């Protein structure tokens, strides 16, 4: 238990031990302040909320550096965190004491990002990383509450989803493959079938990196299924093989026509070969695929120029919803971490849920 003693100079010193048993002291000019501190220390220790007063001097920069060094995430995520940290957080907060950061401070930081000409998405990303940094500060008991939570920031600026029809997917597949019919690619032993890649993305819903990382050994032609194990990403020009976004393996069924096309496509390949490879036979690079092949094909197919590779995944989800597939099935097909993600992303596409609910409740009332 903390105690107060009078020092020779007339001030008051509080003697106490922290939760680790180390002797601590703090001086006050007034006895009432000293006794108040005694009560707060004893209460905080009893509640498990004690905080070392010396931590009040710790800066966001110090915490961010320690947090960054402890990261154990995928290369793409690490690069994203590092970018926000070096571009936004450290220049703005490096010398700021962690205890001085408030929700208002975080909002001002977000405004500074917008004022610099960046999008709401960039602002939200920077604040998300700051939230992780301050969450680490909470874990280290530097602060009790994370001031970067529950800010209610707008998500304006999120790319619009585009949902294609089967005919549009077919046209896109034709246009993206047309350049490979020229003699330019005759010298390659394995001419890329990017048309099949487009079709595969729309009819399976795999993420782009999951398609690039798919190996022949993970294709079961007898059952018409692919096992999604690997994910191939490109970070700052460097390719990385890793697990899926959620870290989980899943099995995805293919329609019969797609199984037949995949069977023809991988005929003669080794088990360790990639199903979809570049013109040179190496791994696909998303940046090159998107800019050199996909975007020009989007224009050639007469689609909105904003259509992205990821919209093929959205397209698959929209088709499954129209077919009446249960959200749980869509979650498993797309590899979402939870059904909440599925419903938050595509809930607006499920037709007439509220009307059906109202009709059902009306029937319950009438049948009583």
Protein backbone atom coordinates (compact mmCIF):
# COMPACT_ATOMS: atom_id res chain seq x y z
CA UNK A 1 0.00 0.00 0.00
CA UNK A 2 1.25 3.49 -0.85
CA UNK A 3 2.28 5.84 1.95
CA UNK A 4 3.03 9.56 2.36
CA UNK A 5 5.99 11.06 4.20
CA UNK A 6 7.01 14.66 4.78
CA UNK A 7 10.37 15.65 3.33
CA UNK A 8 12.78 18.11 5.06
CA UNK A 9 11.93 20.84 2.55
CA UNK A 10 8.25 20.65 3.49
CA UNK A 11 7.05 18.78 0.39
CA UNK A 12 5.32 15.43 0.46
CA UNK A 13 6.66 12.21 -1.02
CA UNK A 14 4.50 9.24 -1.93
CA UNK A 15 6.24 5.88 -1.62
CA UNK A 16 4.64 2.94 -3.39
CA UNK A 17 5.41 -0.21 -5.32
CA UNK A 18 4.32 -0.86 -8.88
CA UNK A 19 2.61 -4.15 -9.86
CA UNK A 20 6.06 -5.68 -10.45
CA UNK A 21 7.15 -4.91 -6.89
CA UNK A 22 9.59 -2.12 -7.79
CA UNK A 23 9.84 0.80 -5.37
CA UNK A 24 8.54 4.08 -6.80
CA UNK A 25 8.19 7.60 -5.45
CA UNK A 26 6.56 10.85 -6.47
CA UNK A 27 6.75 14.26 -4.76
CA UNK A 28 4.00 16.86 -4.31
CA UNK A 29 3.95 20.35 -2.83
CA UNK A 30 0.53 19.88 -1.22
CA UNK A 31 -0.50 17.03 1.06
CA UNK A 32 -3.96 16.82 -0.51
CA UNK A 33 -2.37 16.12 -3.90
CA UNK A 34 -0.16 13.45 -2.37
CA UNK A 35 -3.03 11.66 -0.64
CA UNK A 36 -5.12 11.88 -3.80
CA UNK A 37 -2.30 10.23 -5.72
CA UNK A 38 -2.09 7.47 -3.10
CA UNK A 39 -5.76 6.66 -3.59
CA UNK A 40 -5.49 6.65 -7.37
CA UNK A 41 -2.44 4.36 -7.32
CA UNK A 42 -4.07 1.87 -4.99
CA UNK A 43 -7.29 1.91 -7.02
CA UNK A 44 -5.50 1.47 -10.36
CA UNK A 45 -3.43 -1.42 -9.04
CA UNK A 46 -6.54 -3.13 -7.69
CA UNK A 47 -8.28 -2.75 -11.06
CA UNK A 48 -5.22 -3.78 -13.06
CA UNK A 49 -5.11 -0.35 -14.67
CA UNK A 50 -1.85 0.92 -13.20
CA UNK A 51 0.32 2.92 -15.58
CA UNK A 52 3.94 3.81 -15.01
CA UNK A 53 4.15 7.64 -14.78
CA UNK A 54 7.43 7.55 -16.72
CA UNK A 55 5.52 6.33 -19.76
CA UNK A 56 3.88 9.75 -20.00
CA UNK A 57 7.01 10.93 -21.82
CA UNK A 58 6.84 8.28 -24.53
CA UNK A 59 6.19 9.67 -28.03
CA UNK A 60 4.13 8.28 -30.89
CA UNK A 61 7.34 8.03 -32.88
CA UNK A 62 8.91 5.75 -30.29
CA UNK A 63 5.86 3.53 -30.11
CA UNK A 64 5.48 3.43 -33.90
CA UNK A 65 9.11 2.37 -34.33
CA UNK A 66 8.76 -0.43 -31.78
CA UNK A 67 5.41 -1.54 -33.27
CA UNK A 68 6.82 -1.58 -36.80
CA UNK A 69 9.79 -3.67 -35.73
CA UNK A 70 7.44 -6.25 -34.20
CA UNK A 71 5.29 -6.69 -37.31
CA UNK A 72 4.76 -10.22 -38.57
CA UNK A 73 2.51 -9.74 -41.59
CA UNK A 74 2.53 -10.55 -45.29
CA UNK A 75 4.90 -8.53 -47.52
CA UNK A 76 2.08 -6.60 -49.21
CA UNK A 77 0.56 -5.64 -45.85
CA UNK A 78 3.99 -4.73 -44.48
CA UNK A 79 4.62 -2.46 -47.46
CA UNK A 80 1.24 -0.77 -46.99
CA UNK A 81 1.83 -0.18 -43.27
CA UNK A 82 5.33 1.14 -43.92
CA UNK A 83 4.08 3.53 -46.57
CA UNK A 84 1.46 5.10 -44.30
CA UNK A 85 3.94 5.22 -41.43
CA UNK A 86 6.71 7.01 -43.31
CA UNK A 87 4.50 9.24 -45.46
CA UNK A 88 1.93 10.38 -42.93
CA UNK A 89 2.21 9.22 -39.33
CA UNK A 90 5.87 9.87 -38.52
CA UNK A 91 6.00 13.38 -40.05
CA UNK A 92 2.83 14.37 -38.19
CA UNK A 93 3.16 12.56 -34.86
CA UNK A 94 6.82 11.59 -34.34
CA UNK A 95 7.45 14.05 -31.48
CA UNK A 96 3.92 13.99 -30.03
CA UNK A 97 3.51 12.33 -26.65
CA UNK A 98 1.15 9.38 -26.84
CA UNK A 99 -0.88 10.65 -23.87
CA UNK A 100 -1.52 13.90 -25.75
CA UNK A 101 -3.25 12.20 -28.70
CA UNK A 102 -7.03 12.63 -28.57
CA UNK A 103 -9.85 11.79 -30.99
CA UNK A 104 -9.73 15.45 -32.03
CA UNK A 105 -6.02 15.14 -32.76
CA UNK A 106 -6.69 12.10 -34.94
CA UNK A 107 -9.45 13.93 -36.82
CA UNK A 108 -7.10 16.86 -37.44
CA UNK A 109 -4.54 14.40 -38.77
CA UNK A 110 -7.16 12.95 -41.14
CA UNK A 111 -8.03 16.44 -42.35
CA UNK A 112 -4.35 17.12 -43.01
CA UNK A 113 -4.20 14.07 -45.28
CA UNK A 114 -7.26 15.29 -47.22
CA UNK A 115 -5.85 18.83 -47.38
CA UNK A 116 -2.72 17.37 -48.95
CA UNK A 117 -4.87 16.32 -51.89
CA UNK A 118 -5.31 12.67 -50.96
CA UNK A 119 -8.51 10.65 -51.11
CA UNK A 120 -10.72 9.60 -48.19
CA UNK A 121 -9.48 6.06 -48.79
CA UNK A 122 -5.89 7.18 -48.20
CA UNK A 123 -6.96 9.10 -45.10
CA UNK A 124 -8.79 6.08 -43.73
CA UNK A 125 -5.80 3.86 -44.45
CA UNK A 126 -3.42 6.19 -42.61
CA UNK A 127 -5.76 6.40 -39.62
CA UNK A 128 -6.14 2.62 -39.64
CA UNK A 129 -2.38 2.24 -39.26
CA UNK A 130 -2.31 4.93 -36.56
CA UNK A 131 -5.04 2.97 -34.79
CA UNK A 132 -2.78 -0.10 -34.80
CA UNK A 133 0.12 1.91 -33.43
CA UNK A 134 -1.99 3.36 -30.62
CA UNK A 135 -3.47 -0.07 -29.99
CA UNK A 136 0.07 -1.26 -29.36
CA UNK A 137 0.44 1.64 -26.90
CA UNK A 138 -2.64 0.37 -25.07
CA UNK A 139 -1.11 -3.11 -24.90
CA UNK A 140 2.03 -1.59 -23.38
CA UNK A 141 -0.15 0.27 -20.86
CA UNK A 142 1.08 3.65 -22.02
CA UNK A 143 -2.54 4.73 -22.49
CA UNK A 144 -5.78 3.12 -21.41
CA UNK A 145 -8.03 3.89 -24.38
CA UNK A 146 -7.24 4.04 -28.08
CA UNK A 147 -8.24 7.54 -29.30
CA UNK A 148 -8.32 6.44 -32.94
CA UNK A 149 -11.36 4.19 -32.58
CA UNK A 150 -15.02 4.88 -33.32
CA UNK A 151 -14.37 8.04 -35.31
CA UNK A 152 -17.21 7.42 -37.76
CA UNK A 153 -15.20 8.52 -40.78
CA UNK A 154 -16.79 8.52 -44.21
CA UNK A 155 -15.81 5.74 -46.57
CA UNK A 156 -16.37 7.94 -49.60
CA UNK A 157 -13.89 7.25 -52.34
CA UNK A 158 -14.20 3.44 -52.20
CA UNK A 159 -14.03 2.18 -55.80
CA UNK A 160 -17.41 1.45 -57.30
CA UNK A 161 -18.17 -2.21 -57.95
CA UNK A 162 -18.86 -3.24 -61.53
CA UNK A 163 -20.90 -6.35 -62.22
CA UNK A 164 -20.55 -7.85 -65.69
CA UNK A 165 -22.91 -10.12 -67.56
CA UNK A 166 -21.73 -13.50 -68.91
CA UNK A 167 -21.75 -11.99 -72.40
CA UNK A 168 -19.55 -9.09 -71.27
CA UNK A 169 -17.10 -11.48 -69.63
CA UNK A 170 -16.94 -13.48 -72.85
CA UNK A 171 -16.27 -10.33 -74.90
CA UNK A 172 -13.58 -9.21 -72.46
CA UNK A 173 -11.96 -12.65 -72.69
CA UNK A 174 -11.93 -12.47 -76.48
CA UNK A 175 -10.44 -8.97 -76.58
CA UNK A 176 -7.71 -9.68 -74.04
CA UNK A 177 -6.59 -12.76 -76.00
CA UNK A 178 -6.57 -11.18 -79.46
CA UNK A 179 -3.00 -9.77 -79.25
CA UNK A 180 -1.66 -13.30 -78.63
CA UNK A 181 -2.87 -14.48 -82.05
CA UNK A 182 -0.07 -12.50 -83.73
CA UNK A 183 3.28 -13.95 -84.80
CA UNK A 184 4.92 -12.01 -81.98
CA UNK A 185 4.18 -14.89 -79.61
CA UNK A 186 4.93 -17.79 -81.97
CA UNK A 187 8.38 -18.26 -80.42
CA UNK A 188 6.94 -19.01 -77.00
CA UNK A 189 6.40 -22.66 -76.13
CA UNK A 190 3.47 -21.73 -73.96
CA UNK A 191 1.36 -18.82 -75.20
CA UNK A 192 -0.57 -17.24 -72.30
CA UNK A 193 -4.33 -17.78 -72.33
CA UNK A 194 -5.41 -14.57 -70.66
CA UNK A 195 -8.90 -15.08 -72.00
CA UNK A 196 -9.11 -18.20 -69.88
CA UNK A 197 -7.73 -16.24 -66.93
CA UNK A 198 -10.55 -13.69 -67.28
CA UNK A 199 -13.16 -16.44 -67.56
CA UNK A 200 -11.66 -18.34 -64.63
CA UNK A 201 -11.74 -15.22 -62.42
CA UNK A 202 -15.38 -14.50 -63.18
CA UNK A 203 -16.63 -18.07 -62.74
CA UNK A 204 -14.63 -18.96 -59.60
CA UNK A 205 -14.33 -15.63 -57.77
CA UNK A 206 -10.70 -16.23 -56.81
CA UNK A 207 -8.61 -13.20 -55.95
CA UNK A 208 -6.08 -12.18 -58.60
CA UNK A 209 -3.12 -13.31 -56.48
CA UNK A 210 -4.81 -16.66 -55.84
CA UNK A 211 -5.15 -17.20 -59.59
CA UNK A 212 -1.51 -16.25 -60.23
CA UNK A 213 -0.37 -18.62 -57.47
CA UNK A 214 -2.51 -21.60 -58.52
CA UNK A 215 -0.44 -24.70 -59.38
CA UNK A 216 -1.36 -27.67 -61.52
CA UNK A 217 -1.17 -30.00 -58.51
CA UNK A 218 -4.01 -28.02 -56.90
CA UNK A 219 -6.41 -28.74 -59.78
CA UNK A 220 -8.57 -31.86 -59.49
CA UNK A 221 -10.07 -32.46 -62.93
CA UNK A 222 -12.08 -35.50 -61.80
CA UNK A 223 -14.06 -33.54 -59.22
CA UNK A 224 -13.90 -30.27 -61.13
CA UNK A 225 -12.42 -28.40 -58.15
CA UNK A 226 -9.38 -26.31 -57.38
CA UNK A 227 -7.76 -26.10 -53.96
CA UNK A 228 -6.78 -22.53 -53.17
CA UNK A 229 -3.54 -22.69 -51.19
CA UNK A 230 -1.11 -20.07 -52.46
CA UNK A 231 -1.26 -16.36 -53.15
CA UNK A 232 1.21 -14.55 -55.41
CA UNK A 233 1.63 -10.82 -54.81
CA UNK A 234 3.90 -8.15 -56.20
CA UNK A 235 5.33 -5.62 -53.76
CA UNK A 236 7.60 -2.86 -55.05
CA UNK A 237 8.44 -5.00 -58.07
CA UNK A 238 9.29 -8.09 -56.02
CA UNK A 239 7.12 -11.23 -56.26
CA UNK A 240 6.12 -13.03 -53.08
CA UNK A 241 4.47 -16.43 -52.69
CA UNK A 242 2.42 -16.75 -49.53
CA UNK A 243 -0.82 -18.01 -48.06
CA UNK A 244 -4.26 -16.70 -48.97
CA UNK A 245 -5.48 -13.40 -47.52
CA UNK A 246 -7.18 -15.16 -44.61
CA UNK A 247 -4.41 -17.73 -44.23
CA UNK A 248 -6.90 -20.54 -44.91
CA UNK A 249 -7.06 -23.16 -47.65
CA UNK A 250 -10.37 -23.66 -49.45
CA UNK A 251 -11.81 -25.81 -52.21
CA UNK A 252 -13.74 -24.16 -55.05
CA UNK A 253 -15.88 -25.92 -57.64
CA UNK A 254 -15.69 -25.09 -61.34
CA UNK A 255 -18.56 -25.37 -63.83
CA UNK A 256 -18.13 -28.21 -66.32
CA UNK A 257 -17.19 -26.02 -69.29
CA UNK A 258 -14.43 -24.35 -67.28
CA UNK A 259 -13.08 -27.70 -66.06
CA UNK A 260 -12.81 -28.85 -69.67
CA UNK A 261 -10.95 -25.70 -70.71
CA UNK A 262 -8.59 -25.93 -67.74
CA UNK A 263 -7.92 -29.60 -68.56
CA UNK A 264 -6.87 -28.66 -72.10
CA UNK A 265 -4.85 -25.71 -70.81
CA UNK A 266 -2.73 -27.68 -68.32
CA UNK A 267 -2.27 -30.76 -70.51
CA UNK A 268 1.44 -31.61 -70.56
CA UNK A 269 2.39 -29.38 -67.63
CA UNK A 270 4.17 -30.61 -64.51
CA UNK A 271 2.47 -30.71 -61.13
CA UNK A 272 4.55 -27.80 -59.79
CA UNK A 273 3.90 -25.59 -62.84
CA UNK A 274 1.70 -22.53 -62.50
CA UNK A 275 -1.69 -22.82 -64.17
CA UNK A 276 -1.48 -19.22 -65.37
CA UNK A 277 1.96 -18.00 -66.38
CA UNK A 278 3.38 -15.01 -68.22
CA UNK A 279 4.46 -15.05 -71.87
CA UNK A 280 7.96 -15.96 -70.76
CA UNK A 281 6.68 -18.85 -68.67
CA UNK A 282 7.35 -17.15 -65.33
CA UNK A 283 4.93 -15.96 -62.66
CA UNK A 284 2.34 -13.35 -63.57
CA UNK A 285 3.00 -9.77 -62.48
CA UNK A 286 -0.24 -8.05 -61.58
CA UNK A 287 0.96 -4.56 -62.52
CA UNK A 288 1.95 -5.71 -65.99
CA UNK A 289 -1.21 -7.76 -66.47
CA UNK A 290 -3.45 -4.89 -65.39
CA UNK A 291 -1.85 -2.10 -67.40
CA UNK A 292 -0.62 -3.90 -70.53
CA UNK A 293 -3.40 -6.42 -71.05
CA UNK A 294 -6.51 -5.99 -68.90
CA UNK A 295 -7.16 -2.25 -69.17
CA UNK A 296 -6.79 -2.11 -72.98
CA UNK A 297 -9.09 -5.13 -73.28
CA UNK A 298 -11.71 -3.39 -71.12
CA UNK A 299 -11.75 -0.47 -73.54
CA UNK A 300 -11.76 -2.74 -76.59
CA UNK A 301 -14.72 -4.66 -75.17
CA UNK A 302 -16.70 -1.44 -74.78
CA UNK A 303 -16.88 -1.69 -70.98
CA UNK A 304 -16.60 1.24 -68.56
CA UNK A 305 -12.93 2.17 -68.31
CA UNK A 306 -13.19 1.96 -64.52
CA UNK A 307 -13.68 -1.83 -64.58
CA UNK A 308 -10.91 -3.48 -62.56
CA UNK A 309 -9.51 -7.01 -62.38
CA UNK A 310 -11.13 -7.28 -58.94
CA UNK A 311 -14.54 -6.63 -60.51
CA UNK A 312 -14.45 -10.16 -61.93
CA UNK A 313 -14.59 -11.36 -58.32
CA UNK A 314 -17.52 -9.01 -57.64
CA UNK A 315 -19.17 -10.34 -60.79
CA UNK A 316 -18.93 -13.91 -59.52
CA UNK A 317 -20.54 -12.87 -56.24
CA UNK A 318 -23.41 -11.13 -58.04
CA UNK A 319 -24.07 -14.22 -60.17
CA UNK A 320 -24.15 -16.48 -57.12
CA UNK A 321 -26.64 -14.15 -55.43
CA UNK A 322 -28.90 -14.19 -58.50
CA UNK A 323 -28.74 -17.98 -58.45
CA UNK A 324 -30.03 -17.95 -54.87
CA UNK A 325 -26.85 -19.29 -53.26
CA UNK A 326 -26.88 -18.91 -49.47
CA UNK A 327 -24.52 -16.21 -48.13
CA UNK A 328 -22.55 -18.94 -46.31
CA UNK A 329 -21.86 -20.62 -49.64
CA UNK A 330 -20.76 -17.32 -51.18
CA UNK A 331 -18.48 -16.70 -48.21
CA UNK A 332 -16.80 -20.07 -48.71
CA UNK A 333 -16.52 -19.62 -52.49
CA UNK A 334 -14.85 -16.21 -52.19
CA UNK A 335 -12.76 -17.08 -49.15
CA UNK A 336 -14.06 -14.33 -46.89
CA UNK A 337 -12.95 -14.41 -43.26
CA UNK A 338 -16.55 -14.36 -42.05
CA UNK A 339 -20.11 -14.17 -43.32
CA UNK A 340 -20.21 -10.62 -41.96
CA UNK A 341 -17.68 -9.58 -44.60
CA UNK A 342 -19.83 -11.17 -47.29
CA UNK A 343 -23.00 -9.44 -46.16
CA UNK A 344 -21.30 -6.08 -45.61
CA UNK A 345 -19.83 -6.22 -49.12
CA UNK A 346 -22.74 -7.64 -51.10
CA UNK A 347 -25.78 -7.31 -48.82
CA UNK A 348 -27.30 -4.65 -51.05
CA UNK A 349 -27.48 -7.18 -53.92
CA UNK A 350 -29.72 -9.64 -52.10
CA UNK A 351 -33.17 -8.87 -53.55
CA UNK A 352 -36.12 -7.98 -51.40
CA UNK A 353 -34.91 -9.16 -48.01
CA UNK A 354 -36.90 -6.53 -46.14
CA UNK A 355 -40.03 -7.15 -48.21
CA UNK A 356 -39.81 -10.90 -47.59
CA UNK A 357 -39.36 -10.29 -43.89
CA UNK A 358 -42.38 -8.00 -43.75
CA UNK A 359 -44.53 -10.52 -45.67
CA UNK A 360 -43.40 -13.30 -43.38
CA UNK A 361 -44.24 -11.32 -40.26
CA UNK A 362 -47.63 -10.42 -41.75
CA UNK A 363 -48.35 -14.11 -42.35
CA UNK A 364 -47.41 -14.98 -38.79
CA UNK A 365 -49.89 -12.38 -37.57
CA UNK A 366 -52.68 -13.60 -39.84
CA UNK A 367 -52.16 -17.28 -38.96
CA UNK A 368 -52.38 -16.84 -35.19
